[in-house]
Amino acid sequence: MKMKMIIAVLNADDSAIVSHNLMKNGYSMTKLATTGGFLRAGNVTILVGVEEDKVQGAIDIIKENSHSRKQIMAPSTEPGMNLYPTMPIEVVVGGAAIFVLDVDHFEKV
């Protein structure tokens, strides 16, 4: 059976429920604390190694438990930049970015 690696980048607020539901449904996973580049906010990256026929089930669980939400982003300027501060803006955060990769080799030892 061909193996796939699912990499899902989630909002930290959604990680516990996604992890719980993946494990409850028999998926083994690894959870990594990561930081997003745009908002510099805490994310969680979940790695799930699955057989090809179980990919869609894992993706469905991730989608069902990852939700977008609105957040106010404070203005920021980089040091050395002569920019005037702007008003805070509302941005949509959350949801999930999901990548599915082919696995050339897999061993469980």
C-alpha atoms as a PDB file:
ATOM      1  CA  MET A   1       0.000   0.000   0.000  1.00  0.00           C
ATOM      2  CA  LYS A   2       1.305   3.438  -0.922  1.00  0.00           C
ATOM      3  CA  MET A   3       1.908   5.834   2.001  1.00  0.00           C
ATOM      4  CA  LYS A   4       1.210   9.573   2.172  1.00  0.00           C
ATOM      5  CA  MET A   5       2.305  12.287   4.586  1.00  0.00           C
ATOM      6  CA  ILE A   6      -0.291  14.892   5.519  1.00  0.00           C
ATOM      7  CA  ILE A   7       1.108  18.163   6.827  1.00  0.00           C
ATOM      8  CA  ALA A   8      -1.564  20.412   8.305  1.00  0.00           C
ATOM      9  CA  VAL A   9      -0.792  23.893   9.645  1.00  0.00           C
ATOM     10  CA  LEU A  10      -3.520  24.933  12.091  1.00  0.00           C
ATOM     11  CA  ASN A  11      -4.357  27.789  14.387  1.00  0.00           C
ATOM     12  CA  ALA A  12      -3.211  26.838  17.892  1.00  0.00           C
ATOM     13  CA  ASP A  13      -6.804  27.257  19.133  1.00  0.00           C
ATOM     14  CA  ASP A  14      -7.944  24.362  16.917  1.00  0.00           C
ATOM     15  CA  SER A  15      -5.073  21.952  17.549  1.00  0.00           C
ATOM     16  CA  ALA A  16      -6.459  20.137  20.606  1.00  0.00           C
ATOM     17  CA  ILE A  17      -9.794  19.235  18.995  1.00  0.00           C
ATOM     18  CA  VAL A  18      -8.164  18.243  15.687  1.00  0.00           C
ATOM     19  CA  SER A  19      -5.596  16.055  17.493  1.00  0.00           C
ATOM     20  CA  HIS A  20      -8.267  14.468  19.669  1.00  0.00           C
ATOM     21  CA  ASN A  21     -10.489  13.584  16.711  1.00  0.00           C
ATOM     22  CA  LEU A  22      -7.627  12.251  14.596  1.00  0.00           C
ATOM     23  CA  MET A  23      -6.473   9.948  17.417  1.00  0.00           C
ATOM     24  CA  LYS A  24     -10.069   8.924  18.248  1.00  0.00           C
ATOM     25  CA  ASN A  25     -10.428   7.775  14.635  1.00  0.00           C
ATOM     26  CA  GLY A  26      -7.216   5.741  14.684  1.00  0.00           C
ATOM     27  CA  TYR A  27      -4.773   8.142  13.048  1.00  0.00           C
ATOM     28  CA  SER A  28      -1.250   8.367  14.482  1.00  0.00           C
ATOM     29  CA  MET A  29       0.141  11.877  14.429  1.00  0.00           C
ATOM     30  CA  THR A  30       2.919  14.154  15.581  1.00  0.00           C
ATOM     31  CA  LYS A  31       2.201  17.700  16.710  1.00  0.00           C
ATOM     32  CA  LEU A  32       4.786  20.502  16.414  1.00  0.00           C
ATOM     33  CA  ALA A  33       4.547  24.047  17.796  1.00  0.00           C
ATOM     34  CA  THR A  34       5.226  26.506  14.957  1.00  0.00           C
ATOM     35  CA  THR A  35       4.976  30.238  14.355  1.00  0.00           C
ATOM     36  CA  GLY A  36       3.275  31.875  11.396  1.00  0.00           C
ATOM     37  CA  GLY A  37       5.160  34.430   9.366  1.00  0.00           C
ATOM     38  CA  PHE A  38       2.412  36.962   8.672  1.00  0.00           C
ATOM     39  CA  LEU A  39       0.873  37.470  12.118  1.00  0.00           C
ATOM     40  CA  ARG A  40       3.782  35.908  13.997  1.00  0.00           C
ATOM     41  CA  ALA A  41       1.131  33.991  15.900  1.00  0.00           C
ATOM     42  CA  GLY A  42       1.327  30.523  17.372  1.00  0.00           C
ATOM     43  CA  ASN A  43       0.384  27.735  15.027  1.00  0.00           C
ATOM     44  CA  VAL A  44       0.524  23.994  15.303  1.00  0.00           C
ATOM     45  CA  THR A  45       1.772  21.769  12.507  1.00  0.00           C
ATOM     46  CA  ILE A  46       0.410  18.238  12.547  1.00  0.00           C
ATOM     47  CA  LEU A  47       2.130  15.408  10.682  1.00  0.00           C
ATOM     48  CA  VAL A  48       0.023  12.373   9.841  1.00  0.00           C
ATOM     49  CA  GLY A  49       1.448   9.356   8.015  1.00  0.00           C
ATOM     50  CA  VAL A  50      -1.377   7.373   6.399  1.00  0.00           C
ATOM     51  CA  GLU A  51      -2.094   4.769   3.776  1.00  0.00           C
ATOM     52  CA  GLU A  52      -3.319   6.338   0.558  1.00  0.00           C
ATOM     53  CA  ASP A  53      -6.919   5.162   1.019  1.00  0.00           C
ATOM     54  CA  LYS A  54      -7.167   6.917   4.435  1.00  0.00           C
ATOM     55  CA  VAL A  55      -6.024  10.369   3.304  1.00  0.00           C
ATOM     56  CA  GLN A  56      -9.492  11.798   2.665  1.00  0.00           C
ATOM     57  CA  GLY A  57     -10.769  10.660   6.077  1.00  0.00           C
ATOM     58  CA  ALA A  58      -7.951  12.521   7.839  1.00  0.00           C
ATOM     59  CA  ILE A  59      -8.479  15.627   5.707  1.00  0.00           C
ATOM     60  CA  ASP A  60     -12.200  15.580   6.501  1.00  0.00           C
ATOM     61  CA  ILE A  61     -11.452  15.479  10.251  1.00  0.00           C
ATOM     62  CA  ILE A  62      -9.021  18.383   9.934  1.00  0.00           C
ATOM     63  CA  LYS A  63     -11.518  20.458   7.902  1.00  0.00           C
ATOM     64  CA  GLU A  64     -14.432  19.746  10.268  1.00  0.00           C
ATOM     65  CA  ASN A  65     -12.441  20.886  13.304  1.00  0.00           C
ATOM     66  CA  SER A  66     -10.461  23.871  11.959  1.00  0.00           C
ATOM     67  CA  HIS A  67     -12.379  27.120  11.922  1.00  0.00           C
ATOM     68  CA  SER A  68     -11.634  30.566  10.551  1.00  0.00           C
ATOM     69  CA  ARG A  69     -12.125  33.515  12.862  1.00  0.00           C
ATOM     70  CA  LYS A  70     -11.618  37.263  12.712  1.00  0.00           C
ATOM     71  CA  GLN A  71      -8.823  38.872  14.712  1.00  0.00           C
ATOM     72  CA  ILE A  72      -7.643  42.439  15.122  1.00  0.00           C
ATOM     73  CA  MET A  73      -4.066  42.919  13.989  1.00  0.00           C
ATOM     74  CA  ALA A  74      -2.157  45.735  15.633  1.00  0.00           C
ATOM     75  CA  PRO A  75      -0.077  47.881  13.323  1.00  0.00           C
ATOM     76  CA  SER A  76       3.626  47.219  13.337  1.00  0.00           C
ATOM     77  CA  THR A  77       6.614  48.804  11.737  1.00  0.00           C
ATOM     78  CA  GLU A  78      10.004  47.274  11.230  1.00  0.00           C
ATOM     79  CA  PRO A  79      12.939  48.897  13.057  1.00  0.00           C
ATOM     80  CA  GLY A  80      14.599  51.515  10.925  1.00  0.00           C
ATOM     81  CA  MET A  81      11.539  52.090   8.775  1.00  0.00           C
ATOM     82  CA  ASN A  82      10.147  55.616   8.822  1.00  0.00           C
ATOM     83  CA  LEU A  83       6.525  54.603   8.547  1.00  0.00           C
ATOM     84  CA  TYR A  84       3.649  56.210  10.364  1.00  0.00           C
ATOM     85  CA  PRO A  85       1.549  53.874  12.515  1.00  0.00           C
ATOM     86  CA  THR A  86      -1.731  52.828  10.974  1.00  0.00           C
ATOM     87  CA  MET A  87      -5.059  51.826  12.443  1.00  0.00           C
ATOM     88  CA  PRO A  88      -5.508  48.210  13.561  1.00  0.00           C
ATOM     89  CA  ILE A  89      -7.042  46.027  10.870  1.00  0.00           C
ATOM     90  CA  GLU A  90      -9.311  43.014  11.047  1.00  0.00           C
ATOM     91  CA  VAL A  91      -7.919  39.854   9.448  1.00  0.00           C
ATOM     92  CA  VAL A  92      -9.269  36.329   9.052  1.00  0.00           C
ATOM     93  CA  VAL A  93      -7.131  33.708  10.785  1.00  0.00           C
ATOM     94  CA  GLY A  94      -7.495  30.018  11.418  1.00  0.00           C
ATOM     95  CA  GLY A  95      -8.665  27.262   9.200  1.00  0.00           C
ATOM     96  CA  ALA A  96      -5.973  24.919   7.983  1.00  0.00           C
ATOM     97  CA  ALA A  97      -3.360  24.717   5.262  1.00  0.00           C
ATOM     98  CA  ILE A  98      -3.158  21.045   4.275  1.00  0.00           C
ATOM     99  CA  PHE A  99      -0.388  19.467   2.197  1.00  0.00           C
ATOM    100  CA  VAL A 100      -0.344  15.832   1.069  1.00  0.00           C
ATOM    101  CA  LEU A 101       3.014  14.389   0.033  1.00  0.00           C
ATOM    102  CA  ASP A 102       4.057  11.049  -1.427  1.00  0.00           C
ATOM    103  CA  VAL A 103       6.227   8.944   0.895  1.00  0.00           C
ATOM    104  CA  ASP A 104       9.021   7.126  -0.945  1.00  0.00           C
ATOM    105  CA  HIS A 105      10.065   5.016   2.015  1.00  0.00           C
ATOM    106  CA  PHE A 106       8.519   4.198   5.393  1.00  0.00           C
ATOM    107  CA  GLU A 107       9.754   2.061   8.282  1.00  0.00           C
ATOM    108  CA  LYS A 108       8.346   1.651  11.745  1.00  0.00           C
ATOM    109  CA  VAL A 109      10.989   0.359  14.143  1.00  0.00           C
END
